[in-house]
Amino acid sequence: MTASFIPCCRKPDQHMNRTKLLCFSLFFWWLILMLPAATAKAEGIRINSVSLVAVGENYEISVDSEISLNPTLEQALEKGIVLYFVFKFSLVDVRWYWLDEEIVRGKYRVGLRYYALTRQYHLNHGSFSQSFNTLNEALQVMGRLHDFTLTVKSELKRDIDYIASLRIWLDLTRMPKPFQVEALGSSRWDLSSDKLEWRMKLPTPEQPFQMKGQ
């Protein structure tokens, strides 16, 4: 009597199912790991565009930016804390033979506040005040600075290149002292755009300056 042995093999379908399950598991954990990074990118300040125009003897700047708050700052608003944001622009004459000189400067500060009684958000800048029903609406308006007049500090020359810079940030120095102490060294309170720098000549009424941001 002759005995025969038949090798035992796994079914192809079973092997394929295990491979698919493994791939799905790896993809699932990859999504979990990437989720905090995606959330972090959504929080912050992004400058989309900048324009500079000549109006008579003066210059006006307009800025289009996106501002998003993290949960810590949203909770501060709900507690009645006013968040002050600063837009700062400067034009510097870089001189190889002497110290650099800031010849044009613009600093715009706006406050964002939430009133629990009316459930509205308010933007305040000097005599300017505006109310919104949602935080997103208030942030959209706050991120757009239109026709802000700059301060000319020194004589300007149209035929030379200047170094321009622009930055937007949350001004922690205007917050109550206890919150300033809490904010020290904490990334949850650090909200700022990258500092944009570029070389430019002064714009003319016929040729305004325009640039895309980040």
Protein backbone atom coordinates (compact mmCIF):
# COMPACT_ATOMS: atom_id res chain seq x y z
CA MET A 1 0.00 0.00 0.00
CA THR A 2 1.45 3.31 -1.04
CA ALA A 3 0.95 6.34 1.15
CA SER A 4 0.96 9.81 -0.36
CA PHE A 5 1.48 13.11 1.34
CA ILE A 6 -0.20 16.29 0.11
CA PRO A 7 1.39 19.56 1.35
CA CYS A 8 -0.98 21.79 3.25
CA CYS A 9 -1.21 25.34 1.87
CA ARG A 10 -3.15 28.38 3.10
CA LYS A 11 -5.92 29.50 0.92
CA PRO A 12 -5.01 32.58 -1.17
CA ASP A 13 -8.16 34.36 -0.07
CA GLN A 14 -7.23 34.05 3.60
CA HIS A 15 -3.76 35.46 2.98
CA MET A 16 -5.16 38.40 1.03
CA ASN A 17 -7.69 39.21 3.74
CA ARG A 18 -4.97 39.37 6.39
CA THR A 19 -2.87 41.64 4.18
CA LYS A 20 -5.79 44.00 3.64
CA LEU A 21 -6.54 44.04 7.36
CA LEU A 22 -2.93 44.91 8.15
CA CYS A 23 -2.89 47.73 5.60
CA PHE A 24 -6.16 49.11 6.94
CA SER A 25 -4.81 49.07 10.52
CA LEU A 26 -1.64 50.91 9.52
CA PHE A 27 -3.65 53.52 7.62
CA PHE A 28 -6.00 54.00 10.58
CA TRP A 29 -3.16 54.66 13.02
CA TRP A 30 -1.50 57.00 10.51
CA LEU A 31 -4.70 59.10 10.47
CA ILE A 32 -4.75 59.19 14.26
CA LEU A 33 -1.16 60.42 14.40
CA MET A 34 -1.70 63.04 11.72
CA LEU A 35 -4.88 64.48 13.26
CA PRO A 36 -3.16 66.63 15.96
CA ALA A 37 -0.77 68.04 13.34
CA ALA A 38 -3.62 68.99 11.06
CA THR A 39 -5.43 70.65 13.95
CA ALA A 40 -2.33 72.63 14.93
CA LYS A 41 -1.91 73.97 11.41
CA ALA A 42 -5.43 75.38 11.53
CA GLU A 43 -4.55 77.55 14.53
CA GLY A 44 -2.50 80.68 14.00
CA ILE A 45 -2.16 83.73 11.77
CA ARG A 46 -1.49 83.60 8.06
CA ILE A 47 -0.85 86.69 5.91
CA ASN A 48 -2.39 86.22 2.46
CA SER A 49 -1.66 89.54 0.74
CA VAL A 50 -0.28 93.04 1.30
CA SER A 51 -0.83 96.21 -0.71
CA LEU A 52 0.71 99.68 -0.34
CA VAL A 53 -0.59 102.74 -2.17
CA ALA A 54 0.44 106.39 -2.38
CA VAL A 55 -2.31 108.86 -1.46
CA GLY A 56 -1.11 112.43 -1.84
CA GLU A 57 1.92 112.82 0.43
CA ASN A 58 0.94 109.80 2.53
CA TYR A 59 0.92 106.02 2.16
CA GLU A 60 -1.80 103.55 3.06
CA ILE A 61 -1.49 99.84 3.69
CA SER A 62 -4.07 97.07 3.33
CA VAL A 63 -3.59 93.55 4.67
CA ASP A 64 -5.60 90.39 4.10
CA SER A 65 -4.90 87.69 6.70
CA GLU A 66 -6.50 84.66 8.36
CA ILE A 67 -6.64 84.46 12.16
CA SER A 68 -7.67 81.28 14.00
CA LEU A 69 -7.81 80.78 17.77
CA ASN A 70 -6.99 77.65 19.74
CA PRO A 71 -9.28 76.33 22.52
CA THR A 72 -7.28 78.12 25.24
CA LEU A 73 -7.81 81.54 23.65
CA GLU A 74 -11.48 80.82 22.96
CA GLN A 75 -11.97 79.97 26.64
CA ALA A 76 -10.23 83.21 27.63
CA LEU A 77 -12.71 85.12 25.46
CA GLU A 78 -15.63 83.37 27.12
CA LYS A 79 -14.27 84.46 30.52
CA GLY A 80 -14.45 88.10 29.42
CA ILE A 81 -10.75 88.58 28.59
CA VAL A 82 -10.10 91.04 25.76
CA LEU A 83 -7.63 89.76 23.17
CA TYR A 84 -5.59 92.51 21.51
CA PHE A 85 -4.00 91.90 18.12
CA VAL A 86 -1.31 94.10 16.59
CA PHE A 87 -0.52 94.73 12.92
CA LYS A 88 2.96 96.25 12.57
CA PHE A 89 4.52 97.48 9.32
CA SER A 90 7.85 99.24 8.91
CA LEU A 91 9.99 100.52 6.06
CA VAL A 92 13.73 100.68 6.78
CA ASP A 93 16.55 102.41 4.94
CA VAL A 94 19.50 100.00 5.12
CA ARG A 95 22.75 102.02 5.08
CA TRP A 96 26.13 100.32 4.87
CA TYR A 97 27.92 103.38 6.26
CA TRP A 98 25.67 103.97 9.30
CA LEU A 99 22.88 102.48 11.39
CA ASP A 100 19.68 101.43 9.65
CA GLU A 101 16.85 103.98 9.88
CA GLU A 102 13.13 103.28 10.14
CA ILE A 103 11.50 105.86 7.88
CA VAL A 104 7.90 104.61 7.71
CA ARG A 105 5.94 102.95 10.48
CA GLY A 106 2.41 101.71 10.99
CA LYS A 107 1.01 100.03 14.10
CA TYR A 108 -2.64 99.05 14.29
CA ARG A 109 -4.12 97.47 17.43
CA VAL A 110 -7.62 95.97 17.59
CA GLY A 111 -9.37 94.35 20.56
CA LEU A 112 -11.62 91.29 20.38
CA ARG A 113 -14.12 90.74 23.20
CA TYR A 114 -17.07 88.46 23.92
CA TYR A 115 -20.17 89.67 25.81
CA ALA A 116 -21.96 86.73 27.43
CA LEU A 117 -25.10 88.80 28.08
CA THR A 118 -25.75 89.47 24.39
CA ARG A 119 -23.76 86.46 23.12
CA GLN A 120 -21.95 88.67 20.67
CA TYR A 121 -18.34 89.33 19.74
CA HIS A 122 -17.06 92.91 19.51
CA LEU A 123 -14.12 94.47 17.70
CA ASN A 124 -12.80 97.77 19.07
CA HIS A 125 -10.18 100.17 17.75
CA GLY A 126 -10.36 103.69 19.14
CA SER A 127 -13.75 105.07 18.15
CA PHE A 128 -14.39 102.09 15.86
CA SER A 129 -16.68 99.34 17.18
CA GLN A 130 -18.48 96.49 15.47
CA SER A 131 -20.53 93.52 16.72
CA PHE A 132 -20.83 89.98 15.35
CA ASN A 133 -22.98 86.96 16.14
CA THR A 134 -20.21 84.40 15.62
CA LEU A 135 -16.49 84.23 16.35
CA ASN A 136 -15.66 83.31 12.75
CA GLU A 137 -17.34 86.47 11.47
CA ALA A 138 -15.38 88.62 13.91
CA LEU A 139 -12.07 86.95 13.02
CA GLN A 140 -12.67 87.37 9.29
CA VAL A 141 -13.23 91.11 9.66
CA MET A 142 -10.35 91.52 12.11
CA GLY A 143 -7.96 89.85 9.68
CA ARG A 144 -8.63 92.46 6.98
CA LEU A 145 -6.97 95.84 7.45
CA HIS A 146 -8.05 98.39 4.83
CA ASP A 147 -6.45 101.73 3.90
CA PHE A 148 -4.56 102.27 7.15
CA THR A 149 -2.49 105.48 6.98
CA LEU A 150 1.21 105.02 7.74
CA THR A 151 3.42 107.45 9.65
CA VAL A 152 6.30 108.93 7.65
CA LYS A 153 9.20 109.63 10.04
CA SER A 154 11.92 110.75 7.66
CA GLU A 155 12.55 111.97 4.13
CA LEU A 156 11.63 109.44 1.47
CA LYS A 157 13.44 108.75 -1.78
CA ARG A 158 11.70 107.11 -4.69
CA ASP A 159 14.82 105.86 -6.47
CA ILE A 160 16.24 103.55 -3.76
CA ASP A 161 15.27 100.15 -2.35
CA TYR A 162 13.89 99.87 1.17
CA ILE A 163 13.43 96.83 3.39
CA ALA A 164 9.79 96.35 4.33
CA SER A 165 8.49 94.08 7.10
CA LEU A 166 5.06 93.05 8.34
CA ARG A 167 3.96 90.96 11.31
CA ILE A 168 0.69 90.27 13.17
CA TRP A 169 0.57 88.92 16.72
CA LEU A 170 -1.48 88.57 19.90
CA ASP A 171 -0.35 91.28 22.32
CA LEU A 172 0.01 89.55 25.69
CA THR A 173 1.18 92.76 27.39
CA ARG A 174 -2.39 94.13 27.29
CA MET A 175 -3.85 91.15 29.16
CA PRO A 176 -4.45 91.00 32.94
CA LYS A 177 -1.32 90.18 34.96
CA PRO A 178 -2.44 86.66 36.05
CA PHE A 179 -2.89 85.65 32.42
CA GLN A 180 0.46 87.16 31.46
CA VAL A 181 2.14 84.95 34.06
CA GLU A 182 0.28 81.89 32.78
CA ALA A 183 1.23 82.73 29.19
CA LEU A 184 4.97 82.83 29.89
CA GLY A 185 6.65 79.97 28.02
CA SER A 186 3.31 78.46 26.94
CA SER A 187 2.70 77.76 23.26
CA ARG A 188 -1.06 77.91 23.91
CA TRP A 189 -0.81 81.70 24.22
CA ASP A 190 1.76 82.22 21.48
CA LEU A 191 -0.21 83.37 18.44
CA SER A 192 1.73 85.16 15.73
CA SER A 193 2.28 85.26 12.00
CA ASP A 194 5.67 84.74 10.43
CA LYS A 195 7.52 88.01 9.94
CA LEU A 196 7.41 88.91 6.25
CA GLU A 197 10.35 90.87 4.85
CA TRP A 198 10.94 92.06 1.31
CA ARG A 199 12.83 94.68 -0.71
CA MET A 200 10.81 97.35 -2.49
CA LYS A 201 10.75 100.86 -3.93
CA LEU A 202 8.12 103.36 -2.88
CA PRO A 203 4.82 102.97 -4.73
CA THR A 204 3.36 105.78 -6.82
CA PRO A 205 -0.30 106.71 -7.37
CA GLU A 206 -0.02 105.11 -10.80
CA GLN A 207 1.79 102.00 -9.60
CA PRO A 208 0.66 100.70 -6.18
CA PHE A 209 2.60 97.88 -4.56
CA GLN A 210 0.95 94.48 -4.18
CA MET A 211 2.35 91.20 -2.89
CA LYS A 212 1.07 87.78 -1.97
CA GLY A 213 1.82 86.68 1.58
CA GLN A 214 2.98 83.27 2.80
